[in-house]
PDB file of N, CA and C in Angstrom:
ATOM      1  N   MET A   1       4.440  13.278 -27.338  1.00  0.00           N
ATOM      2  CA  MET A   1       5.016  12.454 -26.365  1.00  0.00           C
ATOM      3  C   MET A   1       4.218  11.204 -26.163  1.00  0.00           C
ATOM      4  N   GLY A   2       4.861  10.011 -26.105  1.00  0.00           N
ATOM      5  CA  GLY A   2       4.158   8.736 -26.012  1.00  0.00           C
ATOM      6  C   GLY A   2       3.598   8.447 -24.626  1.00  0.00           C
ATOM      7  N   LEU A   3       2.931   7.341 -24.546  1.00  0.00           N
ATOM      8  CA  LEU A   3       2.392   6.902 -23.257  1.00  0.00           C
ATOM      9  C   LEU A   3       3.544   6.598 -22.259  1.00  0.00           C
ATOM     10  N   GLN A   4       3.389   7.073 -21.023  1.00  0.00           N
ATOM     11  CA  GLN A   4       4.328   6.742 -20.000  1.00  0.00           C
ATOM     12  C   GLN A   4       3.831   5.558 -19.257  1.00  0.00           C
ATOM     13  N   SER A   5       4.789   4.704 -18.872  1.00  0.00           N
ATOM     14  CA  SER A   5       4.389   3.486 -18.107  1.00  0.00           C
ATOM     15  C   SER A   5       4.094   3.911 -16.613  1.00  0.00           C
ATOM     16  N   MET A   6       3.233   3.227 -15.988  1.00  0.00           N
ATOM     17  CA  MET A   6       2.799   3.562 -14.615  1.00  0.00           C
ATOM     18  C   MET A   6       3.864   3.067 -13.647  1.00  0.00           C
ATOM     19  N   ILE A   7       4.125   3.828 -12.615  1.00  0.00           N
ATOM     20  CA  ILE A   7       5.054   3.409 -11.597  1.00  0.00           C
ATOM     21  C   ILE A   7       4.190   2.808 -10.461  1.00  0.00           C
ATOM     22  N   SER A   8       4.536   1.554 -10.035  1.00  0.00           N
ATOM     23  CA  SER A   8       3.861   0.975  -8.939  1.00  0.00           C
ATOM     24  C   SER A   8       4.746   0.887  -7.752  1.00  0.00           C
ATOM     25  N   LEU A   9       4.453   1.590  -6.778  1.00  0.00           N
ATOM     26  CA  LEU A   9       5.217   1.579  -5.483  1.00  0.00           C
ATOM     27  C   LEU A   9       4.536   0.596  -4.505  1.00  0.00           C
ATOM     28  N   VAL A  10       5.178  -0.513  -4.196  1.00  0.00           N
ATOM     29  CA  VAL A  10       4.647  -1.551  -3.420  1.00  0.00           C
ATOM     30  C   VAL A  10       5.299  -1.507  -2.005  1.00  0.00           C
ATOM     31  N   ILE A  11       4.489  -1.368  -0.969  1.00  0.00           N
ATOM     32  CA  ILE A  11       5.034  -1.177   0.380  1.00  0.00           C
ATOM     33  C   ILE A  11       4.431  -2.191   1.317  1.00  0.00           C
ATOM     34  N   PRO A  12       5.211  -3.040   1.938  1.00  0.00           N
ATOM     35  CA  PRO A  12       4.693  -3.960   2.934  1.00  0.00           C
ATOM     36  C   PRO A  12       4.463  -3.213   4.227  1.00  0.00           C
ATOM     37  N   VAL A  13       3.375  -3.588   4.937  1.00  0.00           N
ATOM     38  CA  VAL A  13       3.017  -2.947   6.228  1.00  0.00           C
ATOM     39  C   VAL A  13       2.795  -4.019   7.267  1.00  0.00           C
ATOM     40  N   TYR A  14       3.411  -3.811   8.420  1.00  0.00           N
ATOM     41  CA  TYR A  14       3.178  -4.658   9.598  1.00  0.00           C
ATOM     42  C   TYR A  14       3.353  -3.854  10.826  1.00  0.00           C
ATOM     43  N   ASN A  15       2.210  -3.604  11.489  1.00  0.00           N
ATOM     44  CA  ASN A  15       2.292  -2.807  12.752  1.00  0.00           C
ATOM     45  C   ASN A  15       2.908  -1.447  12.585  1.00  0.00           C
ATOM     46  N   GLU A  16       2.438  -0.686  11.645  1.00  0.00           N
ATOM     47  CA  GLU A  16       3.004   0.644  11.283  1.00  0.00           C
ATOM     48  C   GLU A  16       2.080   1.750  11.546  1.00  0.00           C
ATOM     49  N   GLU A  17       1.120   1.659  12.425  1.00  0.00           N
ATOM     50  CA  GLU A  17       0.103   2.679  12.642  1.00  0.00           C
ATOM     51  C   GLU A  17       0.725   4.014  12.824  1.00  0.00           C
ATOM     52  N   GLU A  18       1.773   4.227  13.472  1.00  0.00           N
ATOM     53  CA  GLU A  18       2.366   5.538  13.758  1.00  0.00           C
ATOM     54  C   GLU A  18       3.092   6.127  12.585  1.00  0.00           C
ATOM     55  N   ASN A  19       3.331   5.343  11.518  1.00  0.00           N
ATOM     56  CA  ASN A  19       4.149   5.815  10.437  1.00  0.00           C
ATOM     57  C   ASN A  19       3.389   6.031   9.124  1.00  0.00           C
ATOM     58  N   LEU A  20       2.217   5.474   9.057  1.00  0.00           N
ATOM     59  CA  LEU A  20       1.448   5.373   7.726  1.00  0.00           C
ATOM     60  C   LEU A  20       1.145   6.742   7.161  1.00  0.00           C
ATOM     61  N   ASN A  21       0.572   7.540   7.999  1.00  0.00           N
ATOM     62  CA  ASN A  21       0.174   8.895   7.507  1.00  0.00           C
ATOM     63  C   ASN A  21       1.378   9.774   7.117  1.00  0.00           C
ATOM     64  N   LYS A  22       2.410   9.629   7.868  1.00  0.00           N
ATOM     65  CA  LYS A  22       3.618  10.368   7.542  1.00  0.00           C
ATOM     66  C   LYS A  22       4.263   9.823   6.230  1.00  0.00           C
ATOM     67  N   LEU A  23       4.233   8.548   6.060  1.00  0.00           N
ATOM     68  CA  LEU A  23       4.705   7.891   4.850  1.00  0.00           C
ATOM     69  C   LEU A  23       4.000   8.423   3.633  1.00  0.00           C
ATOM     70  N   ILE A  24       2.665   8.427   3.598  1.00  0.00           N
ATOM     71  CA  ILE A  24       1.960   8.883   2.511  1.00  0.00           C
ATOM     72  C   ILE A  24       2.117  10.420   2.251  1.00  0.00           C
ATOM     73  N   GLU A  25       2.220  11.140   3.281  1.00  0.00           N
ATOM     74  CA  GLU A  25       2.453  12.549   3.255  1.00  0.00           C
ATOM     75  C   GLU A  25       3.839  12.867   2.524  1.00  0.00           C
ATOM     76  N   ARG A  26       4.751  11.974   2.757  1.00  0.00           N
ATOM     77  CA  ARG A  26       6.085  12.197   2.083  1.00  0.00           C
ATOM     78  C   ARG A  26       6.161  11.600   0.675  1.00  0.00           C
ATOM     79  N   ILE A  27       5.467  10.539   0.453  1.00  0.00           N
ATOM     80  CA  ILE A  27       5.566   9.884  -0.900  1.00  0.00           C
ATOM     81  C   ILE A  27       4.752  10.615  -1.974  1.00  0.00           C
ATOM     82  N   ARG A  28       3.559  11.022  -1.617  1.00  0.00           N
ATOM     83  CA  ARG A  28       2.627  11.624  -2.639  1.00  0.00           C
ATOM     84  C   ARG A  28       3.312  12.776  -3.373  1.00  0.00           C
ATOM     85  N   PRO A  29       3.837  13.795  -2.656  1.00  0.00           N
ATOM     86  CA  PRO A  29       4.392  14.917  -3.398  1.00  0.00           C
ATOM     87  C   PRO A  29       5.531  14.494  -4.312  1.00  0.00           C
ATOM     88  N   VAL A  30       6.366  13.596  -3.869  1.00  0.00           N
ATOM     89  CA  VAL A  30       7.502  13.108  -4.691  1.00  0.00           C
ATOM     90  C   VAL A  30       7.016  12.461  -5.958  1.00  0.00           C
ATOM     91  N   MET A  31       5.961  11.519  -5.806  1.00  0.00           N
ATOM     92  CA  MET A  31       5.404  10.871  -6.926  1.00  0.00           C
ATOM     93  C   MET A  31       4.652  11.842  -7.899  1.00  0.00           C
ATOM     94  N   GLN A  32       3.965  12.859  -7.346  1.00  0.00           N
ATOM     95  CA  GLN A  32       3.296  13.806  -8.166  1.00  0.00           C
ATOM     96  C   GLN A  32       4.242  14.639  -8.964  1.00  0.00           C
ATOM     97  N   ASN A  33       5.420  14.958  -8.385  1.00  0.00           N
ATOM     98  CA  ASN A  33       6.411  15.764  -9.102  1.00  0.00           C
ATOM     99  C   ASN A  33       7.081  14.987 -10.233  1.00  0.00           C
ATOM    100  N   MET A  34       6.934  13.697 -10.229  1.00  0.00           N
ATOM    101  CA  MET A  34       7.482  12.914 -11.306  1.00  0.00           C
ATOM    102  C   MET A  34       6.750  13.025 -12.582  1.00  0.00           C
ATOM    103  N   ASP A  35       5.527  13.489 -12.475  1.00  0.00           N
ATOM    104  CA  ASP A  35       4.674  13.801 -13.667  1.00  0.00           C
ATOM    105  C   ASP A  35       4.488  12.527 -14.510  1.00  0.00           C
ATOM    106  N   ARG A  36       4.306  11.355 -13.839  1.00  0.00           N
ATOM    107  CA  ARG A  36       3.977  10.127 -14.403  1.00  0.00           C
ATOM    108  C   ARG A  36       2.842   9.499 -13.638  1.00  0.00           C
ATOM    109  N   PRO A  37       2.071   8.662 -14.371  1.00  0.00           N
ATOM    110  CA  PRO A  37       1.027   7.902 -13.619  1.00  0.00           C
ATOM    111  C   PRO A  37       1.718   6.976 -12.620  1.00  0.00           C
ATOM    112  N   TYR A  38       1.035   6.866 -11.452  1.00  0.00           N
ATOM    113  CA  TYR A  38       1.563   6.035 -10.375  1.00  0.00           C
ATOM    114  C   TYR A  38       0.502   5.482  -9.485  1.00  0.00           C
ATOM    115  N   GLU A  39       0.769   4.435  -8.720  1.00  0.00           N
ATOM    116  CA  GLU A  39      -0.066   3.901  -7.762  1.00  0.00           C
ATOM    117  C   GLU A  39       0.764   3.494  -6.611  1.00  0.00           C
ATOM    118  N   ILE A  40       0.194   3.580  -5.383  1.00  0.00           N
ATOM    119  CA  ILE A  40       0.831   3.188  -4.158  1.00  0.00           C
ATOM    120  C   ILE A  40       0.071   1.991  -3.614  1.00  0.00           C
ATOM    121  N   ILE A  41       0.678   0.854  -3.596  1.00  0.00           N
ATOM    122  CA  ILE A  41       0.016  -0.373  -3.113  1.00  0.00           C
ATOM    123  C   ILE A  41       0.624  -0.711  -1.746  1.00  0.00           C
ATOM    124  N   LEU A  42      -0.219  -0.644  -0.727  1.00  0.00           N
ATOM    125  CA  LEU A  42       0.141  -0.941   0.616  1.00  0.00           C
ATOM    126  C   LEU A  42      -0.358  -2.286   1.035  1.00  0.00           C
ATOM    127  N   ILE A  43       0.527  -3.163   1.434  1.00  0.00           N
ATOM    128  CA  ILE A  43       0.100  -4.499   1.674  1.00  0.00           C
ATOM    129  C   ILE A  43       0.245  -4.820   3.219  1.00  0.00           C
ATOM    130  N   ASP A  44      -0.901  -5.010   3.875  1.00  0.00           N
ATOM    131  CA  ASP A  44      -0.944  -5.277   5.279  1.00  0.00           C
ATOM    132  C   ASP A  44      -0.822  -6.759   5.472  1.00  0.00           C
ATOM    133  N   ASP A  45       0.209  -7.161   6.225  1.00  0.00           N
ATOM    134  CA  ASP A  45       0.587  -8.534   6.424  1.00  0.00           C
ATOM    135  C   ASP A  45       0.165  -9.036   7.878  1.00  0.00           C
ATOM    136  N   GLY A  46      -1.106  -8.784   8.249  1.00  0.00           N
ATOM    137  CA  GLY A  46      -1.631  -9.243   9.498  1.00  0.00           C
ATOM    138  C   GLY A  46      -1.282  -8.336  10.687  1.00  0.00           C
ATOM    139  N   SER A  47      -1.249  -7.052  10.446  1.00  0.00           N
ATOM    140  CA  SER A  47      -0.898  -6.140  11.584  1.00  0.00           C
ATOM    141  C   SER A  47      -1.875  -6.428  12.733  1.00  0.00           C
ATOM    142  N   ARG A  48      -1.347  -6.260  13.979  1.00  0.00           N
ATOM    143  CA  ARG A  48      -2.173  -6.419  15.111  1.00  0.00           C
ATOM    144  C   ARG A  48      -2.570  -5.044  15.786  1.00  0.00           C
ATOM    145  N   ASP A  49      -2.037  -4.027  15.161  1.00  0.00           N
ATOM    146  CA  ASP A  49      -2.482  -2.733  15.645  1.00  0.00           C
ATOM    147  C   ASP A  49      -3.525  -2.147  14.664  1.00  0.00           C
ATOM    148  N   SER A  50      -3.665  -0.836  14.635  1.00  0.00           N
ATOM    149  CA  SER A  50      -4.704  -0.261  13.754  1.00  0.00           C
ATOM    150  C   SER A  50      -4.254   0.098  12.351  1.00  0.00           C
ATOM    151  N   SER A  51      -3.128  -0.563  11.889  1.00  0.00           N
ATOM    152  CA  SER A  51      -2.610  -0.218  10.613  1.00  0.00           C
ATOM    153  C   SER A  51      -3.665  -0.466   9.491  1.00  0.00           C
ATOM    154  N   LEU A  52      -4.358  -1.505   9.527  1.00  0.00           N
ATOM    155  CA  LEU A  52      -5.312  -1.825   8.495  1.00  0.00           C
ATOM    156  C   LEU A  52      -6.440  -0.729   8.404  1.00  0.00           C
ATOM    157  N   SER A  53      -6.882  -0.300   9.517  1.00  0.00           N
ATOM    158  CA  SER A  53      -7.923   0.733   9.565  1.00  0.00           C
ATOM    159  C   SER A  53      -7.364   2.038   8.983  1.00  0.00           C
ATOM    160  N   ILE A  54      -6.136   2.371   9.291  1.00  0.00           N
ATOM    161  CA  ILE A  54      -5.485   3.575   8.692  1.00  0.00           C
ATOM    162  C   ILE A  54      -5.320   3.425   7.210  1.00  0.00           C
ATOM    163  N   LEU A  55      -4.884   2.200   6.777  1.00  0.00           N
ATOM    164  CA  LEU A  55      -4.735   1.978   5.367  1.00  0.00           C
ATOM    165  C   LEU A  55      -6.006   2.195   4.650  1.00  0.00           C
ATOM    166  N   LYS A  56      -7.108   1.685   5.202  1.00  0.00           N
ATOM    167  CA  LYS A  56      -8.403   1.955   4.569  1.00  0.00           C
ATOM    168  C   LYS A  56      -8.735   3.382   4.448  1.00  0.00           C
ATOM    169  N   SER A  57      -8.393   4.192   5.398  1.00  0.00           N
ATOM    170  CA  SER A  57      -8.668   5.626   5.428  1.00  0.00           C
ATOM    171  C   SER A  57      -7.836   6.260   4.271  1.00  0.00           C
ATOM    172  N   LEU A  58      -6.729   5.696   3.922  1.00  0.00           N
ATOM    173  CA  LEU A  58      -5.826   6.321   2.924  1.00  0.00           C
ATOM    174  C   LEU A  58      -6.333   6.150   1.517  1.00  0.00           C
ATOM    175  N   THR A  59      -7.332   5.280   1.382  1.00  0.00           N
ATOM    176  CA  THR A  59      -7.862   5.032   0.038  1.00  0.00           C
ATOM    177  C   THR A  59      -8.692   6.225  -0.446  1.00  0.00           C
ATOM    178  N   LYS A  60      -8.801   7.254   0.400  1.00  0.00           N
ATOM    179  CA  LYS A  60      -9.393   8.585  -0.040  1.00  0.00           C
ATOM    180  C   LYS A  60      -8.522   9.156  -1.179  1.00  0.00           C
ATOM    181  N   TYR A  61      -7.289   8.750  -1.225  1.00  0.00           N
ATOM    182  CA  TYR A  61      -6.437   9.133  -2.343  1.00  0.00           C
ATOM    183  C   TYR A  61      -6.647   8.091  -3.457  1.00  0.00           C
ATOM    184  N   PRO A  62      -6.989   8.592  -4.643  1.00  0.00           N
ATOM    185  CA  PRO A  62      -7.298   7.607  -5.767  1.00  0.00           C
ATOM    186  C   PRO A  62      -6.101   6.695  -6.151  1.00  0.00           C
ATOM    187  N   GLU A  63      -4.887   7.201  -5.906  1.00  0.00           N
ATOM    188  CA  GLU A  63      -3.742   6.353  -6.313  1.00  0.00           C
ATOM    189  C   GLU A  63      -3.355   5.325  -5.219  1.00  0.00           C
ATOM    190  N   VAL A  64      -4.006   5.320  -4.090  1.00  0.00           N
ATOM    191  CA  VAL A  64      -3.700   4.340  -3.047  1.00  0.00           C
ATOM    192  C   VAL A  64      -4.530   3.051  -3.165  1.00  0.00           C
ATOM    193  N   ARG A  65      -3.926   1.966  -3.143  1.00  0.00           N
ATOM    194  CA  ARG A  65      -4.618   0.682  -3.096  1.00  0.00           C
ATOM    195  C   ARG A  65      -4.104  -0.091  -1.896  1.00  0.00           C
ATOM    196  N   ILE A  66      -4.951  -0.847  -1.249  1.00  0.00           N
ATOM    197  CA  ILE A  66      -4.547  -1.682  -0.127  1.00  0.00           C
ATOM    198  C   ILE A  66      -4.804  -3.156  -0.400  1.00  0.00           C
ATOM    199  N   VAL A  67      -3.935  -4.000   0.117  1.00  0.00           N
ATOM    200  CA  VAL A  67      -4.125  -5.462   0.076  1.00  0.00           C
ATOM    201  C   VAL A  67      -4.045  -5.968   1.525  1.00  0.00           C
ATOM    202  N   ASP A  68      -5.088  -6.711   1.859  1.00  0.00           N
ATOM    203  CA  ASP A  68      -4.989  -7.251   3.232  1.00  0.00           C
ATOM    204  C   ASP A  68      -4.749  -8.747   3.084  1.00  0.00           C
ATOM    205  N   LEU A  69      -3.562  -9.154   3.374  1.00  0.00           N
ATOM    206  CA  LEU A  69      -3.159 -10.589   3.136  1.00  0.00           C
ATOM    207  C   LEU A  69      -3.873 -11.574   4.018  1.00  0.00           C
ATOM    208  N   ILE A  70      -4.517 -11.117   5.039  1.00  0.00           N
ATOM    209  CA  ILE A  70      -5.295 -12.064   5.871  1.00  0.00           C
ATOM    210  C   ILE A  70      -6.528 -12.486   5.156  1.00  0.00           C
ATOM    211  N   ILE A  71      -7.130 -11.637   4.378  1.00  0.00           N
ATOM    212  CA  ILE A  71      -8.412 -11.963   3.726  1.00  0.00           C
ATOM    213  C   ILE A  71      -8.258 -12.226   2.216  1.00  0.00           C
ATOM    214  N   GLU A  72      -7.162 -11.813   1.614  1.00  0.00           N
ATOM    215  CA  GLU A  72      -6.990 -11.989   0.167  1.00  0.00           C
ATOM    216  C   GLU A  72      -6.670 -13.492  -0.148  1.00  0.00           C
ATOM    217  N   PRO A  73      -7.302 -14.006  -1.137  1.00  0.00           N
ATOM    218  CA  PRO A  73      -7.051 -15.460  -1.541  1.00  0.00           C
ATOM    219  C   PRO A  73      -5.652 -15.748  -1.916  1.00  0.00           C
ATOM    220  N   LEU A  74      -4.914 -14.710  -2.360  1.00  0.00           N
ATOM    221  CA  LEU A  74      -3.491 -14.965  -2.731  1.00  0.00           C
ATOM    222  C   LEU A  74      -2.672 -15.378  -1.553  1.00  0.00           C
ATOM    223  N   ASN A  75      -3.127 -15.122  -0.295  1.00  0.00           N
ATOM    224  CA  ASN A  75      -2.375 -15.376   0.911  1.00  0.00           C
ATOM    225  C   ASN A  75      -2.418 -16.860   1.257  1.00  0.00           C
ATOM    226  N   TYR A  76      -3.405 -17.591   0.675  1.00  0.00           N
ATOM    227  CA  TYR A  76      -3.499 -18.968   1.099  1.00  0.00           C
ATOM    228  C   TYR A  76      -2.218 -19.825   0.831  1.00  0.00           C
ATOM    229  N   PRO A  77      -1.588 -19.730  -0.276  1.00  0.00           N
ATOM    230  CA  PRO A  77      -0.366 -20.481  -0.460  1.00  0.00           C
ATOM    231  C   PRO A  77       0.797 -20.025   0.519  1.00  0.00           C
ATOM    232  N   VAL A  78       0.785 -18.727   0.844  1.00  0.00           N
ATOM    233  CA  VAL A  78       1.760 -18.252   1.755  1.00  0.00           C
ATOM    234  C   VAL A  78       1.589 -18.858   3.124  1.00  0.00           C
ATOM    235  N   ARG A  79       0.346 -18.868   3.601  1.00  0.00           N
ATOM    236  CA  ARG A  79      -0.003 -19.383   4.896  1.00  0.00           C
ATOM    237  C   ARG A  79       0.311 -20.868   4.899  1.00  0.00           C
ATOM    238  N   GLN A  80      -0.002 -21.622   3.828  1.00  0.00           N
ATOM    239  CA  GLN A  80       0.301 -23.041   3.788  1.00  0.00           C
ATOM    240  C   GLN A  80       1.760 -23.293   3.888  1.00  0.00           C
ATOM    241  N   SER A  81       2.657 -22.475   3.196  1.00  0.00           N
ATOM    242  CA  SER A  81       4.037 -22.716   3.183  1.00  0.00           C
ATOM    243  C   SER A  81       4.661 -22.379   4.582  1.00  0.00           C
ATOM    244  N   LEU A  82       4.015 -21.457   5.349  1.00  0.00           N
ATOM    245  CA  LEU A  82       4.524 -21.124   6.682  1.00  0.00           C
ATOM    246  C   LEU A  82       4.133 -22.194   7.727  1.00  0.00           C
ATOM    247  N   GLY A  83       3.262 -23.054   7.329  1.00  0.00           N
ATOM    248  CA  GLY A  83       2.853 -24.112   8.205  1.00  0.00           C
ATOM    249  C   GLY A  83       1.977 -23.678   9.330  1.00  0.00           C
TER     250      GLY A  83
END
């Protein structure tokens, strides 16, 4: 069997503190059952609740990655375009 391509699941997050743990609890088993390499990329877009803190705690799972658009350099052009 050849190499399988990785699945990247990209999820935007804004003020979702009540839903994040449930989301990961539901996504992980589905992705694991696919028997393919995968990553879950959670992008916080300036949440004002504790979403970012919860996202950071989810990095205990090796397949979870977080991006904080408030501190990431890639956000600079987005902020500029929003004026």
